[in-house]
Amino acid sequence: MPFDRPVLALGPGPRGVQDARRWVGDVCRGIGRVEILECAQLGVSELVTNALLHGAAPIELRLRGTQEHPRIEVRDSSPDAPVLSVVAHPDLDGLQDDLDETLLTFGRGLSIVARASTAWGADLEPDGKVVWFVPASSFAEDIGVEGAVTGEPDPASRRVAPVADPITVHVLGVPIKAYSTFHWHLRELRREVRLLALAHESAYPLAADLSDLFGSLERHLREVIGTEQVEQATAEGRSDMDLEVSMGRAATQSLSRFIELLDLADEFCREERLLSLARSPEQRRFQRWLLGEFVRQGAGGQPIPWTEVHTGRRSVVS
């Protein structure tokens, strides 16, 4: 079964590194993988130290994957790519003073992670990054495996081509909580298939296909899901909102493929062919309605509001 363990929030300073090492040790023993414990602790020491020196709070640690393919992830709130080699830093001396002898190897940068893992990399998002690794059973004598940087730290900076045959889609009565959950689920699923395609493509061959499909629909999905609308509606104390989204007519029809992708991903999750959790029936019903509004209105249909029970005054958020 895929892991569904609570996230560990890490405090500043050396205590955060010590807590991470202790947590990872308990996890490795708890899942019956003591052979990866040493590499897991070496790798997490480097990643947490790097996050403390060069990232931004909050810093979180979690375990993903399965017993056969455990993946340790460290998330911080800086979208900058991880520092590949640590240089002099004003906080370095104070941090080193409190770390035991084993941890002092972090001066060699992420080469420690490369030698302590079978795969590792960083996934960049506009609001932070996740640096991850799959612990090896023994520390490599050579330079180790090459890391992969995925994601985009600043999608707004990209040049966007003009939209052909634009239409305005009106999505009425969108419950903010369900909308925010969809945003979270989409990001988690996208990242999961992207990392599985990099780290375990032979074990999960469908991950690469799903990752490619995510990539082809990336722009359209960004137009459907925008955090600014949610933030504005939440600040105004509303529990639901109306959306106006302008996009190309052809793009609305391409979202029908994404509805099928989400259903397919649920099936694969239940069969443990993807290392994520399937959506609940409520999440599935809402997401099919939300995406279906774009497909239906793109084909000339009129808006149909969300009909589940919800409260709050609706108003258009553009």
C-alpha atoms as a PDB file:
ATOM      1  CA  MET A   1       0.000   0.000   0.000  1.00  0.00           C
ATOM      2  CA  PRO A   2       1.170   3.581  -0.625  1.00  0.00           C
ATOM      3  CA  PHE A   3       2.334   5.407   2.491  1.00  0.00           C
ATOM      4  CA  ASP A   4      -0.018   7.944   4.039  1.00  0.00           C
ATOM      5  CA  ARG A   5       2.067   9.189   6.956  1.00  0.00           C
ATOM      6  CA  PRO A   6       1.785  12.611   8.631  1.00  0.00           C
ATOM      7  CA  VAL A   7       4.160  15.369   7.554  1.00  0.00           C
ATOM      8  CA  LEU A   8       6.895  16.265  10.068  1.00  0.00           C
ATOM      9  CA  ALA A   9       7.346  20.026  10.523  1.00  0.00           C
ATOM     10  CA  LEU A  10      10.965  20.911  11.265  1.00  0.00           C
ATOM     11  CA  GLY A  11      12.158  23.777  13.427  1.00  0.00           C
ATOM     12  CA  PRO A  12      15.163  26.030  12.674  1.00  0.00           C
ATOM     13  CA  GLY A  13      18.743  25.223  13.531  1.00  0.00           C
ATOM     14  CA  PRO A  14      20.527  21.949  14.323  1.00  0.00           C
ATOM     15  CA  ARG A  15      17.495  20.585  16.195  1.00  0.00           C
ATOM     16  CA  GLY A  16      15.699  20.300  12.839  1.00  0.00           C
ATOM     17  CA  VAL A  17      18.462  18.067  11.441  1.00  0.00           C
ATOM     18  CA  GLN A  18      18.488  15.912  14.558  1.00  0.00           C
ATOM     19  CA  ASP A  19      14.698  15.524  14.513  1.00  0.00           C
ATOM     20  CA  ALA A  20      14.810  14.560  10.825  1.00  0.00           C
ATOM     21  CA  ARG A  21      17.468  11.887  11.415  1.00  0.00           C
ATOM     22  CA  ARG A  22      15.541  10.435  14.344  1.00  0.00           C
ATOM     23  CA  TRP A  23      12.263  10.420  12.382  1.00  0.00           C
ATOM     24  CA  VAL A  24      13.848   8.765   9.342  1.00  0.00           C
ATOM     25  CA  GLY A  25      15.458   6.115  11.546  1.00  0.00           C
ATOM     26  CA  ASP A  26      12.102   5.299  13.140  1.00  0.00           C
ATOM     27  CA  VAL A  27      10.451   5.146   9.708  1.00  0.00           C
ATOM     28  CA  CYS A  28      13.044   2.781   8.225  1.00  0.00           C
ATOM     29  CA  ARG A  29      12.690   0.436  11.170  1.00  0.00           C
ATOM     30  CA  GLY A  30       8.907   0.743  11.092  1.00  0.00           C
ATOM     31  CA  ILE A  31       8.634  -0.349   7.452  1.00  0.00           C
ATOM     32  CA  GLY A  32      11.164  -3.150   7.871  1.00  0.00           C
ATOM     33  CA  ARG A  33      13.903  -1.521   5.747  1.00  0.00           C
ATOM     34  CA  VAL A  34      16.780  -1.250   8.208  1.00  0.00           C
ATOM     35  CA  GLU A  35      19.276  -1.861   5.377  1.00  0.00           C
ATOM     36  CA  ILE A  36      18.589   1.644   3.993  1.00  0.00           C
ATOM     37  CA  LEU A  37      18.684   3.394   7.390  1.00  0.00           C
ATOM     38  CA  GLU A  38      22.274   4.680   7.168  1.00  0.00           C
ATOM     39  CA  CYS A  39      21.867   6.127   3.663  1.00  0.00           C
ATOM     40  CA  ALA A  40      18.445   7.521   4.551  1.00  0.00           C
ATOM     41  CA  GLN A  41      19.881   9.418   7.516  1.00  0.00           C
ATOM     42  CA  LEU A  42      22.880  10.683   5.549  1.00  0.00           C
ATOM     43  CA  GLY A  43      20.662  11.913   2.726  1.00  0.00           C
ATOM     44  CA  VAL A  44      18.084  13.587   4.926  1.00  0.00           C
ATOM     45  CA  SER A  45      20.833  15.304   6.951  1.00  0.00           C
ATOM     46  CA  GLU A  46      22.132  16.920   3.771  1.00  0.00           C
ATOM     47  CA  LEU A  47      18.718  17.957   2.483  1.00  0.00           C
ATOM     48  CA  VAL A  48      17.494  19.439   5.757  1.00  0.00           C
ATOM     49  CA  THR A  49      20.791  21.273   6.284  1.00  0.00           C
ATOM     50  CA  ASN A  50      20.574  22.671   2.761  1.00  0.00           C
ATOM     51  CA  ALA A  51      16.992  23.785   3.389  1.00  0.00           C
ATOM     52  CA  LEU A  52      17.985  25.476   6.671  1.00  0.00           C
ATOM     53  CA  LEU A  53      20.882  27.377   5.106  1.00  0.00           C
ATOM     54  CA  HIS A  54      19.486  28.217   1.694  1.00  0.00           C
ATOM     55  CA  GLY A  55      15.712  27.601   1.756  1.00  0.00           C
ATOM     56  CA  ALA A  56      12.810  29.279   3.518  1.00  0.00           C
ATOM     57  CA  ALA A  57      10.469  28.242   6.317  1.00  0.00           C
ATOM     58  CA  PRO A  58       8.342  26.290   6.815  1.00  0.00           C
ATOM     59  CA  ILE A  59      10.435  23.175   6.231  1.00  0.00           C
ATOM     60  CA  GLU A  60       8.639  19.821   6.152  1.00  0.00           C
ATOM     61  CA  LEU A  61       9.687  16.193   5.902  1.00  0.00           C
ATOM     62  CA  ARG A  62       7.576  13.310   4.666  1.00  0.00           C
ATOM     63  CA  LEU A  63       7.724   9.764   3.347  1.00  0.00           C
ATOM     64  CA  ARG A  64       6.083   8.789   0.058  1.00  0.00           C
ATOM     65  CA  GLY A  65       5.983   5.618  -2.010  1.00  0.00           C
ATOM     66  CA  THR A  66       5.753   2.034  -0.761  1.00  0.00           C
ATOM     67  CA  GLN A  67       7.854  -0.330   1.328  1.00  0.00           C
ATOM     68  CA  GLU A  68       9.650  -1.457  -1.833  1.00  0.00           C
ATOM     69  CA  HIS A  69      10.164   2.064  -3.184  1.00  0.00           C
ATOM     70  CA  PRO A  70      10.254   4.512  -0.235  1.00  0.00           C
ATOM     71  CA  ARG A  71      10.952   8.142  -1.137  1.00  0.00           C
ATOM     72  CA  ILE A  72      12.007  10.773   1.400  1.00  0.00           C
ATOM     73  CA  GLU A  73      11.032  14.362   0.610  1.00  0.00           C
ATOM     74  CA  VAL A  74      12.091  17.674   2.170  1.00  0.00           C
ATOM     75  CA  ARG A  75       9.957  20.668   1.278  1.00  0.00           C
ATOM     76  CA  ASP A  76      10.743  24.333   1.891  1.00  0.00           C
ATOM     77  CA  SER A  77       9.086  27.555   0.739  1.00  0.00           C
ATOM     78  CA  SER A  78      11.839  28.831  -1.551  1.00  0.00           C
ATOM     79  CA  PRO A  79      11.243  28.140  -5.272  1.00  0.00           C
ATOM     80  CA  ASP A  80      14.978  28.388  -6.012  1.00  0.00           C
ATOM     81  CA  ALA A  81      16.717  25.223  -7.167  1.00  0.00           C
ATOM     82  CA  PRO A  82      18.799  23.486  -4.446  1.00  0.00           C
ATOM     83  CA  VAL A  83      22.385  24.581  -3.961  1.00  0.00           C
ATOM     84  CA  LEU A  84      24.600  21.964  -5.560  1.00  0.00           C
ATOM     85  CA  SER A  85      27.692  22.750  -3.497  1.00  0.00           C
ATOM     86  CA  VAL A  86      27.731  24.427  -0.110  1.00  0.00           C
ATOM     87  CA  VAL A  87      30.072  27.403   0.247  1.00  0.00           C
ATOM     88  CA  ALA A  88      30.894  29.679   3.180  1.00  0.00           C
ATOM     89  CA  HIS A  89      27.729  30.882   4.904  1.00  0.00           C
ATOM     90  CA  PRO A  90      27.334  33.144   7.963  1.00  0.00           C
ATOM     91  CA  ASP A  91      25.259  30.503   9.760  1.00  0.00           C
ATOM     92  CA  LEU A  92      27.563  27.606   8.886  1.00  0.00           C
ATOM     93  CA  ASP A  93      29.857  27.664  11.921  1.00  0.00           C
ATOM     94  CA  GLY A  94      27.038  27.767  14.444  1.00  0.00           C
ATOM     95  CA  LEU A  95      25.258  24.931  12.714  1.00  0.00           C
ATOM     96  CA  GLN A  96      28.352  22.752  12.452  1.00  0.00           C
ATOM     97  CA  ASP A  97      29.213  23.202  16.131  1.00  0.00           C
ATOM     98  CA  ASP A  98      26.079  21.335  17.172  1.00  0.00           C
ATOM     99  CA  LEU A  99      26.142  18.544  14.601  1.00  0.00           C
ATOM    100  CA  ASP A 100      27.797  15.242  15.261  1.00  0.00           C
ATOM    101  CA  GLU A 101      30.768  14.026  13.277  1.00  0.00           C
ATOM    102  CA  THR A 102      28.640  12.109  10.795  1.00  0.00           C
ATOM    103  CA  LEU A 103      26.846  15.254   9.647  1.00  0.00           C
ATOM    104  CA  LEU A 104      29.953  17.238   8.859  1.00  0.00           C
ATOM    105  CA  THR A 105      30.114  15.600   5.422  1.00  0.00           C
ATOM    106  CA  PHE A 106      27.418  18.033   4.243  1.00  0.00           C
ATOM    107  CA  GLY A 107      30.194  20.438   3.171  1.00  0.00           C
ATOM    108  CA  ARG A 108      30.467  18.352   0.033  1.00  0.00           C
ATOM    109  CA  GLY A 109      26.978  19.462  -1.000  1.00  0.00           C
ATOM    110  CA  LEU A 110      24.423  17.243  -2.651  1.00  0.00           C
ATOM    111  CA  SER A 111      27.089  14.775  -3.720  1.00  0.00           C
ATOM    112  CA  ILE A 112      26.272  13.049  -0.433  1.00  0.00           C
ATOM    113  CA  VAL A 113      22.653  12.608  -1.550  1.00  0.00           C
ATOM    114  CA  ALA A 114      23.795  11.350  -4.966  1.00  0.00           C
ATOM    115  CA  ARG A 115      25.930   8.660  -3.332  1.00  0.00           C
ATOM    116  CA  ALA A 116      23.310   7.699  -0.722  1.00  0.00           C
ATOM    117  CA  SER A 117      20.427   7.185  -3.157  1.00  0.00           C
ATOM    118  CA  THR A 118      19.270   5.213  -6.158  1.00  0.00           C
ATOM    119  CA  ALA A 119      17.495   8.310  -7.526  1.00  0.00           C
ATOM    120  CA  TRP A 120      17.110  11.916  -6.379  1.00  0.00           C
ATOM    121  CA  GLY A 121      16.105  15.338  -7.603  1.00  0.00           C
ATOM    122  CA  ALA A 122      14.149  18.517  -6.987  1.00  0.00           C
ATOM    123  CA  ASP A 123      10.643  19.458  -8.043  1.00  0.00           C
ATOM    124  CA  LEU A 124      10.140  23.233  -8.283  1.00  0.00           C
ATOM    125  CA  GLU A 125       6.813  24.992  -7.734  1.00  0.00           C
ATOM    126  CA  PRO A 126       5.919  28.717  -7.642  1.00  0.00           C
ATOM    127  CA  ASP A 127       5.503  28.573  -3.847  1.00  0.00           C
ATOM    128  CA  GLY A 128       8.434  26.329  -2.943  1.00  0.00           C
ATOM    129  CA  LYS A 129      10.300  23.162  -3.823  1.00  0.00           C
ATOM    130  CA  VAL A 130      10.524  19.508  -2.848  1.00  0.00           C
ATOM    131  CA  VAL A 131      13.952  17.861  -2.834  1.00  0.00           C
ATOM    132  CA  TRP A 132      13.603  14.092  -2.744  1.00  0.00           C
ATOM    133  CA  PHE A 133      15.672  10.902  -2.790  1.00  0.00           C
ATOM    134  CA  VAL A 134      15.214   7.137  -2.765  1.00  0.00           C
ATOM    135  CA  PRO A 135      17.673   5.761  -0.165  1.00  0.00           C
ATOM    136  CA  ALA A 136      20.163   3.127  -1.317  1.00  0.00           C
ATOM    137  CA  SER A 137      21.125   0.085   0.719  1.00  0.00           C
ATOM    138  CA  SER A 138      24.823   1.045   0.596  1.00  0.00           C
ATOM    139  CA  PHE A 139      26.817   4.237   0.134  1.00  0.00           C
ATOM    140  CA  ALA A 140      28.327   4.515  -3.360  1.00  0.00           C
ATOM    141  CA  GLU A 141      32.101   4.741  -3.663  1.00  0.00           C
ATOM    142  CA  ASP A 142      31.924   6.784  -6.891  1.00  0.00           C
ATOM    143  CA  ILE A 143      30.085  10.058  -7.608  1.00  0.00           C
ATOM    144  CA  GLY A 144      26.640   8.445  -7.354  1.00  0.00           C
ATOM    145  CA  VAL A 145      23.542   8.999  -9.467  1.00  0.00           C
ATOM    146  CA  GLU A 146      22.714  12.218 -11.290  1.00  0.00           C
ATOM    147  CA  GLY A 147      19.864  14.307  -9.900  1.00  0.00           C
ATOM    148  CA  ALA A 148      16.951  15.637 -11.937  1.00  0.00           C
ATOM    149  CA  VAL A 149      15.306  19.059 -11.568  1.00  0.00           C
ATOM    150  CA  THR A 150      11.677  19.160 -12.666  1.00  0.00           C
ATOM    151  CA  GLY A 151       8.830  21.653 -12.489  1.00  0.00           C
ATOM    152  CA  GLU A 152       8.834  25.379 -13.105  1.00  0.00           C
ATOM    153  CA  PRO A 153       9.532  27.915 -10.358  1.00  0.00           C
ATOM    154  CA  ASP A 154       7.860  30.851 -12.133  1.00  0.00           C
ATOM    155  CA  PRO A 155       5.261  29.878 -14.771  1.00  0.00           C
ATOM    156  CA  ALA A 156       4.163  33.530 -15.075  1.00  0.00           C
ATOM    157  CA  SER A 157       7.529  34.458 -16.560  1.00  0.00           C
ATOM    158  CA  ARG A 158       7.025  32.311 -19.648  1.00  0.00           C
ATOM    159  CA  ARG A 159       5.927  33.786 -22.937  1.00  0.00           C
ATOM    160  CA  VAL A 160       2.304  32.839 -23.610  1.00  0.00           C
ATOM    161  CA  ALA A 161       1.090  32.543 -27.195  1.00  0.00           C
ATOM    162  CA  PRO A 162      -2.132  34.383 -28.141  1.00  0.00           C
ATOM    163  CA  VAL A 163      -5.311  32.346 -27.649  1.00  0.00           C
ATOM    164  CA  ALA A 164      -7.062  31.322 -30.874  1.00  0.00           C
ATOM    165  CA  ASP A 165     -10.879  31.479 -31.003  1.00  0.00           C
ATOM    166  CA  PRO A 166     -11.244  32.627 -27.370  1.00  0.00           C
ATOM    167  CA  ILE A 167     -14.430  32.073 -25.375  1.00  0.00           C
ATOM    168  CA  THR A 168     -15.417  32.964 -21.815  1.00  0.00           C
ATOM    169  CA  VAL A 169     -16.473  30.047 -19.637  1.00  0.00           C
ATOM    170  CA  HIS A 170     -18.748  30.835 -16.668  1.00  0.00           C
ATOM    171  CA  VAL A 171     -18.442  28.351 -13.811  1.00  0.00           C
ATOM    172  CA  LEU A 172     -21.174  29.070 -11.268  1.00  0.00           C
ATOM    173  CA  GLY A 173     -21.360  28.314  -7.542  1.00  0.00           C
ATOM    174  CA  VAL A 174     -17.898  26.805  -7.142  1.00  0.00           C
ATOM    175  CA  PRO A 175     -17.397  25.697  -3.497  1.00  0.00           C
ATOM    176  CA  ILE A 176     -14.045  27.087  -2.430  1.00  0.00           C
ATOM    177  CA  LYS A 177     -13.096  24.147  -0.199  1.00  0.00           C
ATOM    178  CA  ALA A 178     -13.674  21.578  -2.958  1.00  0.00           C
ATOM    179  CA  TYR A 179     -11.905  23.832  -5.481  1.00  0.00           C
ATOM    180  CA  SER A 180      -8.855  24.158  -3.231  1.00  0.00           C
ATOM    181  CA  THR A 181      -8.810  20.388  -2.660  1.00  0.00           C
ATOM    182  CA  PHE A 182      -8.840  19.860  -6.437  1.00  0.00           C
ATOM    183  CA  HIS A 183      -5.861  22.198  -6.795  1.00  0.00           C
ATOM    184  CA  TRP A 184      -3.962  20.263  -4.108  1.00  0.00           C
ATOM    185  CA  HIS A 185      -4.863  16.844  -5.559  1.00  0.00           C
ATOM    186  CA  LEU A 186      -3.877  17.899  -9.076  1.00  0.00           C
ATOM    187  CA  ARG A 187      -0.495  19.178  -7.956  1.00  0.00           C
ATOM    188  CA  GLU A 188       0.220  16.058  -5.894  1.00  0.00           C
ATOM    189  CA  LEU A 189      -0.784  13.688  -8.688  1.00  0.00           C
ATOM    190  CA  ARG A 190       1.196  15.616 -11.303  1.00  0.00           C
ATOM    191  CA  ARG A 191       4.310  15.583  -9.137  1.00  0.00           C
ATOM    192  CA  GLU A 192       3.863  11.919  -8.212  1.00  0.00           C
ATOM    193  CA  VAL A 193       3.692  10.691 -11.814  1.00  0.00           C
ATOM    194  CA  ARG A 194       6.571  12.987 -12.783  1.00  0.00           C
ATOM    195  CA  LEU A 195       8.843  11.594 -10.062  1.00  0.00           C
ATOM    196  CA  LEU A 196       7.790   7.998 -10.641  1.00  0.00           C
ATOM    197  CA  ALA A 197       8.609   8.416 -14.334  1.00  0.00           C
ATOM    198  CA  LEU A 198      12.099   9.561 -13.325  1.00  0.00           C
ATOM    199  CA  ALA A 199      12.850   7.153 -10.486  1.00  0.00           C
ATOM    200  CA  HIS A 200      10.876   3.971 -11.214  1.00  0.00           C
ATOM    201  CA  GLU A 201       9.708   3.994 -14.826  1.00  0.00           C
ATOM    202  CA  SER A 202      10.389   0.259 -15.228  1.00  0.00           C
ATOM    203  CA  ALA A 203       8.258  -0.569 -12.178  1.00  0.00           C
ATOM    204  CA  TYR A 204       5.507   1.946 -13.027  1.00  0.00           C
ATOM    205  CA  PRO A 205       5.538   2.311 -16.851  1.00  0.00           C
ATOM    206  CA  LEU A 206       2.171   4.091 -16.879  1.00  0.00           C
ATOM    207  CA  ALA A 207       3.650   6.980 -14.911  1.00  0.00           C
ATOM    208  CA  ALA A 208       5.607   8.229 -17.931  1.00  0.00           C
ATOM    209  CA  ASP A 209       2.493   8.224 -20.133  1.00  0.00           C
ATOM    210  CA  LEU A 210       0.480  10.093 -17.539  1.00  0.00           C
ATOM    211  CA  SER A 211       3.300  12.577 -16.977  1.00  0.00           C
ATOM    212  CA  ASP A 212       3.450  13.320 -20.716  1.00  0.00           C
ATOM    213  CA  LEU A 213      -0.297  13.918 -20.795  1.00  0.00           C
ATOM    214  CA  PHE A 214      -0.053  16.288 -17.846  1.00  0.00           C
ATOM    215  CA  GLY A 215       2.618  18.191 -19.743  1.00  0.00           C
ATOM    216  CA  SER A 216       0.524  18.512 -22.893  1.00  0.00           C
ATOM    217  CA  LEU A 217      -2.410  19.937 -20.890  1.00  0.00           C
ATOM    218  CA  GLU A 218      -0.324  22.080 -18.539  1.00  0.00           C
ATOM    219  CA  ARG A 219      -1.329  25.489 -19.864  1.00  0.00           C
ATOM    220  CA  HIS A 220      -5.031  24.657 -20.046  1.00  0.00           C
ATOM    221  CA  LEU A 221      -5.048  23.386 -16.471  1.00  0.00           C
ATOM    222  CA  ARG A 222      -3.373  26.564 -15.224  1.00  0.00           C
ATOM    223  CA  GLU A 223      -6.198  28.552 -16.820  1.00  0.00           C
ATOM    224  CA  VAL A 224      -8.826  26.389 -15.106  1.00  0.00           C
ATOM    225  CA  ILE A 225      -7.182  26.515 -11.668  1.00  0.00           C
ATOM    226  CA  GLY A 226      -5.986  29.852 -10.327  1.00  0.00           C
ATOM    227  CA  THR A 227      -5.001  30.522  -6.732  1.00  0.00           C
ATOM    228  CA  GLU A 228      -5.729  34.267  -6.992  1.00  0.00           C
ATOM    229  CA  GLN A 229      -9.465  33.648  -7.333  1.00  0.00           C
ATOM    230  CA  VAL A 230      -9.494  31.450  -4.238  1.00  0.00           C
ATOM    231  CA  GLU A 231      -7.454  33.920  -2.185  1.00  0.00           C
ATOM    232  CA  GLN A 232      -9.743  36.824  -3.121  1.00  0.00           C
ATOM    233  CA  ALA A 233     -12.940  34.917  -2.370  1.00  0.00           C
ATOM    234  CA  THR A 234     -11.562  33.587   0.920  1.00  0.00           C
ATOM    235  CA  ALA A 235     -10.450  37.062   1.997  1.00  0.00           C
ATOM    236  CA  GLU A 236     -14.016  38.276   1.387  1.00  0.00           C
ATOM    237  CA  GLY A 237     -15.404  35.549   3.644  1.00  0.00           C
ATOM    238  CA  ARG A 238     -17.233  33.609   0.927  1.00  0.00           C
ATOM    239  CA  SER A 239     -17.637  29.843   0.879  1.00  0.00           C
ATOM    240  CA  ASP A 240     -18.329  29.710  -2.874  1.00  0.00           C
ATOM    241  CA  MET A 241     -17.651  31.828  -5.947  1.00  0.00           C
ATOM    242  CA  ASP A 242     -18.385  32.224  -9.632  1.00  0.00           C
ATOM    243  CA  LEU A 243     -15.516  32.069 -12.108  1.00  0.00           C
ATOM    244  CA  GLU A 244     -15.015  33.670 -15.512  1.00  0.00           C
ATOM    245  CA  VAL A 245     -12.184  32.016 -17.443  1.00  0.00           C
ATOM    246  CA  SER A 246     -11.141  32.964 -20.974  1.00  0.00           C
ATOM    247  CA  MET A 247      -9.487  30.254 -23.041  1.00  0.00           C
ATOM    248  CA  GLY A 248      -9.387  28.880 -26.552  1.00  0.00           C
ATOM    249  CA  ARG A 249     -12.385  26.863 -27.689  1.00  0.00           C
ATOM    250  CA  ALA A 250     -10.139  23.991 -28.792  1.00  0.00           C
ATOM    251  CA  ALA A 251      -8.513  23.961 -25.351  1.00  0.00           C
ATOM    252  CA  THR A 252     -11.868  23.385 -23.641  1.00  0.00           C
ATOM    253  CA  GLN A 253     -12.357  20.210 -25.643  1.00  0.00           C
ATOM    254  CA  SER A 254      -8.881  18.934 -24.809  1.00  0.00           C
ATOM    255  CA  LEU A 255      -9.884  18.934 -21.120  1.00  0.00           C
ATOM    256  CA  SER A 256     -12.169  15.979 -21.811  1.00  0.00           C
ATOM    257  CA  ARG A 257      -8.965  13.937 -22.047  1.00  0.00           C
ATOM    258  CA  PHE A 258      -8.023  15.107 -18.587  1.00  0.00           C
ATOM    259  CA  ILE A 259     -11.330  13.938 -17.127  1.00  0.00           C
ATOM    260  CA  GLU A 260     -10.498  10.492 -18.512  1.00  0.00           C
ATOM    261  CA  LEU A 261      -6.941  10.757 -17.136  1.00  0.00           C
ATOM    262  CA  LEU A 262      -8.180  11.414 -13.594  1.00  0.00           C
ATOM    263  CA  ASP A 263     -10.535   8.432 -13.733  1.00  0.00           C
ATOM    264  CA  LEU A 264      -7.710   6.274 -15.071  1.00  0.00           C
ATOM    265  CA  ALA A 265      -5.348   7.493 -12.354  1.00  0.00           C
ATOM    266  CA  ASP A 266      -7.907   6.527  -9.693  1.00  0.00           C
ATOM    267  CA  GLU A 267      -8.074   3.010 -11.099  1.00  0.00           C
ATOM    268  CA  PHE A 268      -4.283   2.708 -11.133  1.00  0.00           C
ATOM    269  CA  CYS A 269      -4.070   4.023  -7.553  1.00  0.00           C
ATOM    270  CA  ARG A 270      -6.534   1.417  -6.327  1.00  0.00           C
ATOM    271  CA  GLU A 271      -4.491  -1.276  -8.077  1.00  0.00           C
ATOM    272  CA  GLU A 272      -1.290   0.175  -6.525  1.00  0.00           C
ATOM    273  CA  ARG A 273       0.086   0.874  -9.990  1.00  0.00           C
ATOM    274  CA  LEU A 274       0.515   4.512  -8.913  1.00  0.00           C
ATOM    275  CA  LEU A 275       1.810   5.541  -5.498  1.00  0.00           C
ATOM    276  CA  SER A 276      -1.003   7.960  -4.650  1.00  0.00           C
ATOM    277  CA  LEU A 277      -4.426   7.742  -3.062  1.00  0.00           C
ATOM    278  CA  ALA A 278      -7.558   7.574  -5.217  1.00  0.00           C
ATOM    279  CA  ARG A 279     -10.107  10.393  -5.013  1.00  0.00           C
ATOM    280  CA  SER A 280     -13.169  10.079  -2.851  1.00  0.00           C
ATOM    281  CA  PRO A 281     -16.572   9.817  -4.604  1.00  0.00           C
ATOM    282  CA  GLU A 282     -17.304  13.427  -3.581  1.00  0.00           C
ATOM    283  CA  GLN A 283     -14.024  14.693  -5.046  1.00  0.00           C
ATOM    284  CA  ARG A 284     -14.599  12.760  -8.249  1.00  0.00           C
ATOM    285  CA  ARG A 285     -18.144  14.142  -8.657  1.00  0.00           C
ATOM    286  CA  PHE A 286     -17.040  17.743  -8.137  1.00  0.00           C
ATOM    287  CA  GLN A 287     -14.049  17.514 -10.446  1.00  0.00           C
ATOM    288  CA  ARG A 288     -16.053  15.939 -13.253  1.00  0.00           C
ATOM    289  CA  TRP A 289     -18.577  18.786 -12.967  1.00  0.00           C
ATOM    290  CA  LEU A 290     -15.875  21.505 -12.881  1.00  0.00           C
ATOM    291  CA  LEU A 291     -13.923  20.247 -15.887  1.00  0.00           C
ATOM    292  CA  GLY A 292     -17.126  19.228 -17.641  1.00  0.00           C
ATOM    293  CA  GLU A 293     -18.346  22.844 -17.592  1.00  0.00           C
ATOM    294  CA  PHE A 294     -15.402  23.866 -19.765  1.00  0.00           C
ATOM    295  CA  VAL A 295     -15.970  21.022 -22.192  1.00  0.00           C
ATOM    296  CA  ARG A 296     -19.741  21.589 -22.386  1.00  0.00           C
ATOM    297  CA  GLN A 297     -19.633  25.382 -22.742  1.00  0.00           C
ATOM    298  CA  GLY A 298     -16.859  25.093 -25.299  1.00  0.00           C
ATOM    299  CA  ALA A 299     -19.290  23.033 -27.377  1.00  0.00           C
ATOM    300  CA  GLY A 300     -21.989  25.747 -27.080  1.00  0.00           C
ATOM    301  CA  GLY A 301     -23.817  24.686 -23.909  1.00  0.00           C
ATOM    302  CA  GLN A 302     -25.099  27.037 -21.214  1.00  0.00           C
ATOM    303  CA  PRO A 303     -23.654  27.166 -17.662  1.00  0.00           C
ATOM    304  CA  ILE A 304     -25.049  24.708 -15.118  1.00  0.00           C
ATOM    305  CA  PRO A 305     -24.325  25.709 -11.485  1.00  0.00           C
ATOM    306  CA  TRP A 306     -22.946  23.309  -8.909  1.00  0.00           C
ATOM    307  CA  THR A 307     -25.986  21.792  -7.223  1.00  0.00           C
ATOM    308  CA  GLU A 308     -24.513  20.361  -4.024  1.00  0.00           C
ATOM    309  CA  VAL A 309     -25.570  21.980  -0.745  1.00  0.00           C
ATOM    310  CA  HIS A 310     -23.404  24.986   0.066  1.00  0.00           C
ATOM    311  CA  THR A 311     -23.804  28.402   1.655  1.00  0.00           C
ATOM    312  CA  GLY A 312     -22.439  31.873   1.108  1.00  0.00           C
ATOM    313  CA  ARG A 313     -23.056  34.740  -1.255  1.00  0.00           C
ATOM    314  CA  ARG A 314     -21.803  34.171  -4.792  1.00  0.00           C
ATOM    315  CA  SER A 315     -20.170  36.851  -6.887  1.00  0.00           C
ATOM    316  CA  VAL A 316     -18.046  36.828 -10.010  1.00  0.00           C
ATOM    317  CA  VAL A 317     -14.280  36.581  -9.529  1.00  0.00           C
ATOM    318  CA  SER A 318     -12.429  37.484 -12.690  1.00  0.00           C
END
